[in-house]
Amino acid sequence: MSQEKPTKEIQCESCGNTFLGEAVVSMLGSPPREWWPWECPTCEEKHKLEVERGHQEYLVQARPEERKLMAAAEWGCPMV
């Protein structure tokens, strides 16, 4: 019961290059819905890395504040 996924040439919204995109098809509801990628695989990977880098930077910046709050709670001090 495998079904071929529709493919077509798509222009990447980030870099403008064209690539062969494959749709994700939802058979729930009527008519079936298709979702097409908006970025080429290269730009999609760059985007994921940027998001992960931003997340890691946030964690590094949040750690000192989190440690300060944890130490205050451990010693029973009011939150500063």
PDB file of N, CA and C in Angstrom:
ATOM      1  N   MET A   1       0.826  -1.192   0.000  1.00  0.00           N
ATOM      2  CA  MET A   1       0.000   0.000   0.000  1.00  0.00           C
ATOM      3  C   MET A   1       0.870   1.256   0.000  1.00  0.00           C
ATOM      4  N   SER A   2       2.092   1.140  -0.581  1.00  0.00           N
ATOM      5  CA  SER A   2       2.932   2.319  -0.649  1.00  0.00           C
ATOM      6  C   SER A   2       2.437   3.227  -1.761  1.00  0.00           C
ATOM      7  N   GLN A   3       2.534   4.499  -1.492  1.00  0.00           N
ATOM      8  CA  GLN A   3       2.036   5.491  -2.427  1.00  0.00           C
ATOM      9  C   GLN A   3       3.205   6.400  -2.800  1.00  0.00           C
ATOM     10  N   GLU A   4       3.364   6.665  -4.085  1.00  0.00           N
ATOM     11  CA  GLU A   4       4.436   7.557  -4.508  1.00  0.00           C
ATOM     12  C   GLU A   4       4.152   8.971  -4.028  1.00  0.00           C
ATOM     13  N   LYS A   5       5.221   9.613  -3.532  1.00  0.00           N
ATOM     14  CA  LYS A   5       5.078  10.998  -3.104  1.00  0.00           C
ATOM     15  C   LYS A   5       5.252  11.905  -4.314  1.00  0.00           C
ATOM     16  N   PRO A   6       4.415  12.916  -4.431  1.00  0.00           N
ATOM     17  CA  PRO A   6       4.558  13.829  -5.563  1.00  0.00           C
ATOM     18  C   PRO A   6       5.850  14.635  -5.450  1.00  0.00           C
ATOM     19  N   THR A   7       6.511  14.841  -6.569  1.00  0.00           N
ATOM     20  CA  THR A   7       7.722  15.660  -6.614  1.00  0.00           C
ATOM     21  C   THR A   7       7.576  16.689  -7.727  1.00  0.00           C
ATOM     22  N   LYS A   8       8.255  17.806  -7.555  1.00  0.00           N
ATOM     23  CA  LYS A   8       8.275  18.833  -8.599  1.00  0.00           C
ATOM     24  C   LYS A   8       9.447  19.768  -8.352  1.00  0.00           C
ATOM     25  N   GLU A   9       9.790  20.523  -9.380  1.00  0.00           N
ATOM     26  CA  GLU A   9      10.846  21.523  -9.281  1.00  0.00           C
ATOM     27  C   GLU A   9      10.318  22.693  -8.451  1.00  0.00           C
ATOM     28  N   ILE A  10      11.107  23.093  -7.453  1.00  0.00           N
ATOM     29  CA  ILE A  10      10.717  24.180  -6.558  1.00  0.00           C
ATOM     30  C   ILE A  10      11.865  25.174  -6.495  1.00  0.00           C
ATOM     31  N   GLN A  11      11.539  26.443  -6.381  1.00  0.00           N
ATOM     32  CA  GLN A  11      12.564  27.469  -6.213  1.00  0.00           C
ATOM     33  C   GLN A  11      12.726  27.741  -4.718  1.00  0.00           C
ATOM     34  N   CYS A  12      13.962  27.623  -4.235  1.00  0.00           N
ATOM     35  CA  CYS A  12      14.263  27.863  -2.819  1.00  0.00           C
ATOM     36  C   CYS A  12      13.988  29.326  -2.485  1.00  0.00           C
ATOM     37  N   GLU A  13      13.267  29.560  -1.410  1.00  0.00           N
ATOM     38  CA  GLU A  13      12.939  30.931  -1.002  1.00  0.00           C
ATOM     39  C   GLU A  13      14.116  31.629  -0.338  1.00  0.00           C
ATOM     40  N   SER A  14      15.140  30.871   0.060  1.00  0.00           N
ATOM     41  CA  SER A  14      16.313  31.478   0.694  1.00  0.00           C
ATOM     42  C   SER A  14      17.380  31.883  -0.316  1.00  0.00           C
ATOM     43  N   CYS A  15      17.765  30.952  -1.201  1.00  0.00           N
ATOM     44  CA  CYS A  15      18.868  31.227  -2.124  1.00  0.00           C
ATOM     45  C   CYS A  15      18.429  31.412  -3.564  1.00  0.00           C
ATOM     46  N   GLY A  16      17.209  31.009  -3.911  1.00  0.00           N
ATOM     47  CA  GLY A  16      16.709  31.181  -5.263  1.00  0.00           C
ATOM     48  C   GLY A  16      17.022  30.042  -6.217  1.00  0.00           C
ATOM     49  N   ASN A  17      17.842  29.063  -5.780  1.00  0.00           N
ATOM     50  CA  ASN A  17      18.143  27.913  -6.635  1.00  0.00           C
ATOM     51  C   ASN A  17      16.920  27.015  -6.749  1.00  0.00           C
ATOM     52  N   THR A  18      16.851  26.253  -7.827  1.00  0.00           N
ATOM     53  CA  THR A  18      15.758  25.296  -7.964  1.00  0.00           C
ATOM     54  C   THR A  18      16.241  23.920  -7.524  1.00  0.00           C
ATOM     55  N   PHE A  19      15.319  23.143  -6.992  1.00  0.00           N
ATOM     56  CA  PHE A  19      15.621  21.790  -6.533  1.00  0.00           C
ATOM     57  C   PHE A  19      14.387  20.933  -6.698  1.00  0.00           C
ATOM     58  N   LEU A  20      14.593  19.632  -6.674  1.00  0.00           N
ATOM     59  CA  LEU A  20      13.479  18.697  -6.795  1.00  0.00           C
ATOM     60  C   LEU A  20      12.919  18.454  -5.394  1.00  0.00           C
ATOM     61  N   GLY A  21      11.716  18.970  -5.142  1.00  0.00           N
ATOM     62  CA  GLY A  21      11.094  18.855  -3.825  1.00  0.00           C
ATOM     63  C   GLY A  21      10.070  17.745  -3.792  1.00  0.00           C
ATOM     64  N   GLU A  22       9.930  17.151  -2.613  1.00  0.00           N
ATOM     65  CA  GLU A  22       8.975  16.057  -2.404  1.00  0.00           C
ATOM     66  C   GLU A  22       7.934  16.510  -1.386  1.00  0.00           C
ATOM     67  N   ALA A  23       6.664  16.336  -1.723  1.00  0.00           N
ATOM     68  CA  ALA A  23       5.578  16.788  -0.857  1.00  0.00           C
ATOM     69  C   ALA A  23       5.308  15.798   0.262  1.00  0.00           C
ATOM     70  N   VAL A  24       4.846  16.337   1.374  1.00  0.00           N
ATOM     71  CA  VAL A  24       4.299  15.527   2.458  1.00  0.00           C
ATOM     72  C   VAL A  24       2.793  15.583   2.257  1.00  0.00           C
ATOM     73  N   VAL A  25       2.171  14.419   2.152  1.00  0.00           N
ATOM     74  CA  VAL A  25       0.742  14.362   1.849  1.00  0.00           C
ATOM     75  C   VAL A  25      -0.014  13.865   3.072  1.00  0.00           C
ATOM     76  N   SER A  26      -1.051  14.603   3.463  1.00  0.00           N
ATOM     77  CA  SER A  26      -1.924  14.200   4.559  1.00  0.00           C
ATOM     78  C   SER A  26      -3.219  13.678   3.959  1.00  0.00           C
ATOM     79  N   MET A  27      -3.528  12.434   4.273  1.00  0.00           N
ATOM     80  CA  MET A  27      -4.746  11.833   3.735  1.00  0.00           C
ATOM     81  C   MET A  27      -5.947  12.064   4.664  1.00  0.00           C
ATOM     82  N   LEU A  28      -5.727  12.773   5.764  1.00  0.00           N
ATOM     83  CA  LEU A  28      -6.829  13.094   6.668  1.00  0.00           C
ATOM     84  C   LEU A  28      -7.634  14.227   6.069  1.00  0.00           C
ATOM     85  N   GLY A  29      -8.902  14.082   6.075  1.00  0.00           N
ATOM     86  CA  GLY A  29      -9.768  15.110   5.517  1.00  0.00           C
ATOM     87  C   GLY A  29      -9.945  14.937   4.022  1.00  0.00           C
ATOM     88  N   SER A  30     -10.761  15.784   3.491  1.00  0.00           N
ATOM     89  CA  SER A  30     -11.015  15.723   2.067  1.00  0.00           C
ATOM     90  C   SER A  30     -10.967  17.136   1.521  1.00  0.00           C
ATOM     91  N   PRO A  31     -10.249  17.425   0.535  1.00  0.00           N
ATOM     92  CA  PRO A  31      -9.332  16.592  -0.232  1.00  0.00           C
ATOM     93  C   PRO A  31      -8.016  16.428   0.526  1.00  0.00           C
ATOM     94  N   PRO A  32      -7.169  15.474   0.122  1.00  0.00           N
ATOM     95  CA  PRO A  32      -5.855  15.328   0.756  1.00  0.00           C
ATOM     96  C   PRO A  32      -5.051  16.625   0.615  1.00  0.00           C
ATOM     97  N   ARG A  33      -4.228  16.915   1.619  1.00  0.00           N
ATOM     98  CA  ARG A  33      -3.432  18.147   1.599  1.00  0.00           C
ATOM     99  C   ARG A  33      -1.981  17.825   1.333  1.00  0.00           C
ATOM    100  N   GLU A  34      -1.301  18.722   0.643  1.00  0.00           N
ATOM    101  CA  GLU A  34       0.117  18.570   0.346  1.00  0.00           C
ATOM    102  C   GLU A  34       0.889  19.737   0.949  1.00  0.00           C
ATOM    103  N   TRP A  35       2.042  19.425   1.545  1.00  0.00           N
ATOM    104  CA  TRP A  35       2.958  20.441   2.051  1.00  0.00           C
ATOM    105  C   TRP A  35       4.261  20.278   1.304  1.00  0.00           C
ATOM    106  N   TRP A  36       4.723  21.376   0.701  1.00  0.00           N
ATOM    107  CA  TRP A  36       5.939  21.366  -0.090  1.00  0.00           C
ATOM    108  C   TRP A  36       7.048  22.089   0.660  1.00  0.00           C
ATOM    109  N   PRO A  37       8.286  21.628   0.509  1.00  0.00           N
ATOM    110  CA  PRO A  37       9.397  22.332   1.164  1.00  0.00           C
ATOM    111  C   PRO A  37       9.576  23.727   0.561  1.00  0.00           C
ATOM    112  N   TRP A  38      10.070  24.645   1.345  1.00  0.00           N
ATOM    113  CA  TRP A  38      10.284  25.995   0.845  1.00  0.00           C
ATOM    114  C   TRP A  38      11.764  26.335   0.754  1.00  0.00           C
ATOM    115  N   GLU A  39      12.613  25.436   1.277  1.00  0.00           N
ATOM    116  CA  GLU A  39      14.058  25.630   1.186  1.00  0.00           C
ATOM    117  C   GLU A  39      14.699  24.400   0.572  1.00  0.00           C
ATOM    118  N   CYS A  40      15.796  24.605  -0.158  1.00  0.00           N
ATOM    119  CA  CYS A  40      16.556  23.483  -0.699  1.00  0.00           C
ATOM    120  C   CYS A  40      17.247  22.771   0.472  1.00  0.00           C
ATOM    121  N   PRO A  41      17.686  21.538   0.280  1.00  0.00           N
ATOM    122  CA  PRO A  41      18.328  20.802   1.376  1.00  0.00           C
ATOM    123  C   PRO A  41      19.525  21.535   1.980  1.00  0.00           C
ATOM    124  N   THR A  42      20.312  22.231   1.169  1.00  0.00           N
ATOM    125  CA  THR A  42      21.479  22.961   1.676  1.00  0.00           C
ATOM    126  C   THR A  42      21.047  24.086   2.611  1.00  0.00           C
ATOM    127  N   CYS A  43      20.083  24.887   2.178  1.00  0.00           N
ATOM    128  CA  CYS A  43      19.596  25.997   3.009  1.00  0.00           C
ATOM    129  C   CYS A  43      18.870  25.478   4.244  1.00  0.00           C
ATOM    130  N   GLU A  44      18.149  24.392   4.098  1.00  0.00           N
ATOM    131  CA  GLU A  44      17.454  23.803   5.244  1.00  0.00           C
ATOM    132  C   GLU A  44      18.452  23.379   6.315  1.00  0.00           C
ATOM    133  N   GLU A  45      19.570  22.775   5.900  1.00  0.00           N
ATOM    134  CA  GLU A  45      20.608  22.360   6.850  1.00  0.00           C
ATOM    135  C   GLU A  45      21.251  23.576   7.510  1.00  0.00           C
ATOM    136  N   LYS A  46      21.539  24.632   6.717  1.00  0.00           N
ATOM    137  CA  LYS A  46      22.093  25.868   7.273  1.00  0.00           C
ATOM    138  C   LYS A  46      21.144  26.460   8.308  1.00  0.00           C
ATOM    139  N   HIS A  47      19.843  26.465   7.985  1.00  0.00           N
ATOM    140  CA  HIS A  47      18.822  27.007   8.882  1.00  0.00           C
ATOM    141  C   HIS A  47      18.805  26.224  10.200  1.00  0.00           C
ATOM    142  N   LYS A  48      18.830  24.890  10.105  1.00  0.00           N
ATOM    143  CA  LYS A  48      18.829  24.060  11.314  1.00  0.00           C
ATOM    144  C   LYS A  48      20.055  24.343  12.167  1.00  0.00           C
ATOM    145  N   LEU A  49      21.244  24.495  11.526  1.00  0.00           N
ATOM    146  CA  LEU A  49      22.461  24.793  12.273  1.00  0.00           C
ATOM    147  C   LEU A  49      22.390  26.151  12.953  1.00  0.00           C
ATOM    148  N   GLU A  50      21.815  27.158  12.260  1.00  0.00           N
ATOM    149  CA  GLU A  50      21.667  28.483  12.865  1.00  0.00           C
ATOM    150  C   GLU A  50      20.742  28.436  14.080  1.00  0.00           C
ATOM    151  N   VAL A  51      19.652  27.704  13.970  1.00  0.00           N
ATOM    152  CA  VAL A  51      18.715  27.581  15.091  1.00  0.00           C
ATOM    153  C   VAL A  51      19.404  26.886  16.266  1.00  0.00           C
ATOM    154  N   GLU A  52      20.133  25.807  15.988  1.00  0.00           N
ATOM    155  CA  GLU A  52      20.832  25.085  17.054  1.00  0.00           C
ATOM    156  C   GLU A  52      21.902  25.970  17.691  1.00  0.00           C
ATOM    157  N   ARG A  53      22.629  26.736  16.872  1.00  0.00           N
ATOM    158  CA  ARG A  53      23.659  27.631  17.407  1.00  0.00           C
ATOM    159  C   ARG A  53      23.013  28.680  18.321  1.00  0.00           C
ATOM    160  N   GLY A  54      21.887  29.240  17.891  1.00  0.00           N
ATOM    161  CA  GLY A  54      21.186  30.216  18.720  1.00  0.00           C
ATOM    162  C   GLY A  54      20.703  29.613  20.023  1.00  0.00           C
ATOM    163  N   HIS A  55      20.231  28.383  19.960  1.00  0.00           N
ATOM    164  CA  HIS A  55      19.768  27.688  21.164  1.00  0.00           C
ATOM    165  C   HIS A  55      20.941  27.468  22.124  1.00  0.00           C
ATOM    166  N   GLN A  56      22.080  27.040  21.590  1.00  0.00           N
ATOM    167  CA  GLN A  56      23.255  26.813  22.435  1.00  0.00           C
ATOM    168  C   GLN A  56      23.748  28.111  23.058  1.00  0.00           C
ATOM    169  N   GLU A  57      23.745  29.213  22.286  1.00  0.00           N
ATOM    170  CA  GLU A  57      24.147  30.513  22.833  1.00  0.00           C
ATOM    171  C   GLU A  57      23.217  30.933  23.967  1.00  0.00           C
ATOM    172  N   TYR A  58      21.936  30.712  23.788  1.00  0.00           N
ATOM    173  CA  TYR A  58      20.970  31.036  24.836  1.00  0.00           C
ATOM    174  C   TYR A  58      21.271  30.243  26.101  1.00  0.00           C
ATOM    175  N   LEU A  59      21.544  28.942  25.930  1.00  0.00           N
ATOM    176  CA  LEU A  59      21.834  28.110  27.097  1.00  0.00           C
ATOM    177  C   LEU A  59      23.086  28.572  27.827  1.00  0.00           C
ATOM    178  N   VAL A  60      24.112  28.951  27.080  1.00  0.00           N
ATOM    179  CA  VAL A  60      25.356  29.416  27.702  1.00  0.00           C
ATOM    180  C   VAL A  60      25.095  30.699  28.479  1.00  0.00           C
ATOM    181  N   GLN A  61      24.295  31.605  27.916  1.00  0.00           N
ATOM    182  CA  GLN A  61      23.993  32.865  28.596  1.00  0.00           C
ATOM    183  C   GLN A  61      23.088  32.654  29.801  1.00  0.00           C
ATOM    184  N   ALA A  62      22.208  31.665  29.744  1.00  0.00           N
ATOM    185  CA  ALA A  62      21.248  31.447  30.827  1.00  0.00           C
ATOM    186  C   ALA A  62      21.875  30.705  32.011  1.00  0.00           C
ATOM    187  N   ARG A  63      22.938  29.958  31.776  1.00  0.00           N
ATOM    188  CA  ARG A  63      23.528  29.149  32.856  1.00  0.00           C
ATOM    189  C   ARG A  63      23.950  29.958  34.073  1.00  0.00           C
ATOM    190  N   PRO A  64      24.690  31.064  33.945  1.00  0.00           N
ATOM    191  CA  PRO A  64      25.081  31.808  35.152  1.00  0.00           C
ATOM    192  C   PRO A  64      23.883  32.283  35.964  1.00  0.00           C
ATOM    193  N   GLU A  65      22.862  32.780  35.284  1.00  0.00           N
ATOM    194  CA  GLU A  65      21.659  33.252  35.990  1.00  0.00           C
ATOM    195  C   GLU A  65      20.956  32.080  36.672  1.00  0.00           C
ATOM    196  N   GLU A  66      20.888  30.957  35.975  1.00  0.00           N
ATOM    197  CA  GLU A  66      20.250  29.774  36.554  1.00  0.00           C
ATOM    198  C   GLU A  66      21.018  29.291  37.785  1.00  0.00           C
ATOM    199  N   ARG A  67      22.339  29.289  37.715  1.00  0.00           N
ATOM    200  CA  ARG A  67      23.163  28.876  38.869  1.00  0.00           C
ATOM    201  C   ARG A  67      22.941  29.810  40.049  1.00  0.00           C
ATOM    202  N   LYS A  68      22.848  31.092  39.758  1.00  0.00           N
ATOM    203  CA  LYS A  68      22.623  32.089  40.808  1.00  0.00           C
ATOM    204  C   LYS A  68      21.281  31.825  41.501  1.00  0.00           C
ATOM    205  N   LEU A  69      20.244  31.560  40.718  1.00  0.00           N
ATOM    206  CA  LEU A  69      18.927  31.290  41.289  1.00  0.00           C
ATOM    207  C   LEU A  69      18.920  29.979  42.076  1.00  0.00           C
ATOM    208  N   MET A  70      19.611  28.963  41.553  1.00  0.00           N
ATOM    209  CA  MET A  70      19.658  27.676  42.246  1.00  0.00           C
ATOM    210  C   MET A  70      20.404  27.798  43.573  1.00  0.00           C
ATOM    211  N   ALA A  71      21.508  28.553  43.580  1.00  0.00           N
ATOM    212  CA  ALA A  71      22.272  28.751  44.814  1.00  0.00           C
ATOM    213  C   ALA A  71      21.441  29.509  45.842  1.00  0.00           C
ATOM    214  N   ALA A  72      20.720  30.522  45.396  1.00  0.00           N
ATOM    215  CA  ALA A  72      19.869  31.283  46.304  1.00  0.00           C
ATOM    216  C   ALA A  72      18.788  30.411  46.895  1.00  0.00           C
ATOM    217  N   ALA A  73      18.192  29.549  46.087  1.00  0.00           N
ATOM    218  CA  ALA A  73      17.147  28.651  46.584  1.00  0.00           C
ATOM    219  C   ALA A  73      17.723  27.630  47.550  1.00  0.00           C
ATOM    220  N   GLU A  74      18.910  27.148  47.249  1.00  0.00           N
ATOM    221  CA  GLU A  74      19.548  26.148  48.100  1.00  0.00           C
ATOM    222  C   GLU A  74      19.854  26.713  49.480  1.00  0.00           C
ATOM    223  N   TRP A  75      20.265  27.964  49.535  1.00  0.00           N
ATOM    224  CA  TRP A  75      20.610  28.599  50.803  1.00  0.00           C
ATOM    225  C   TRP A  75      19.412  29.271  51.472  1.00  0.00           C
ATOM    226  N   GLY A  76      18.274  29.191  50.836  1.00  0.00           N
ATOM    227  CA  GLY A  76      17.063  29.777  51.418  1.00  0.00           C
ATOM    228  C   GLY A  76      17.017  31.266  51.329  1.00  0.00           C
ATOM    229  N   CYS A  77      17.776  31.825  50.423  1.00  0.00           N
ATOM    230  CA  CYS A  77      17.797  33.274  50.251  1.00  0.00           C
ATOM    231  C   CYS A  77      16.658  33.686  49.331  1.00  0.00           C
ATOM    232  N   PRO A  78      16.175  34.898  49.514  1.00  0.00           N
ATOM    233  CA  PRO A  78      15.152  35.358  48.567  1.00  0.00           C
ATOM    234  C   PRO A  78      15.766  35.497  47.183  1.00  0.00           C
ATOM    235  N   MET A  79      14.938  35.311  46.183  1.00  0.00           N
ATOM    236  CA  MET A  79      15.408  35.401  44.809  1.00  0.00           C
ATOM    237  C   MET A  79      15.897  36.807  44.522  1.00  0.00           C
ATOM    238  N   VAL A  80      17.040  36.915  43.947  1.00  0.00           N
ATOM    239  CA  VAL A  80      17.637  38.219  43.657  1.00  0.00           C
ATOM    240  C   VAL A  80      17.361  38.621  42.244  1.00  0.00           C
TER     241      VAL A  80
END
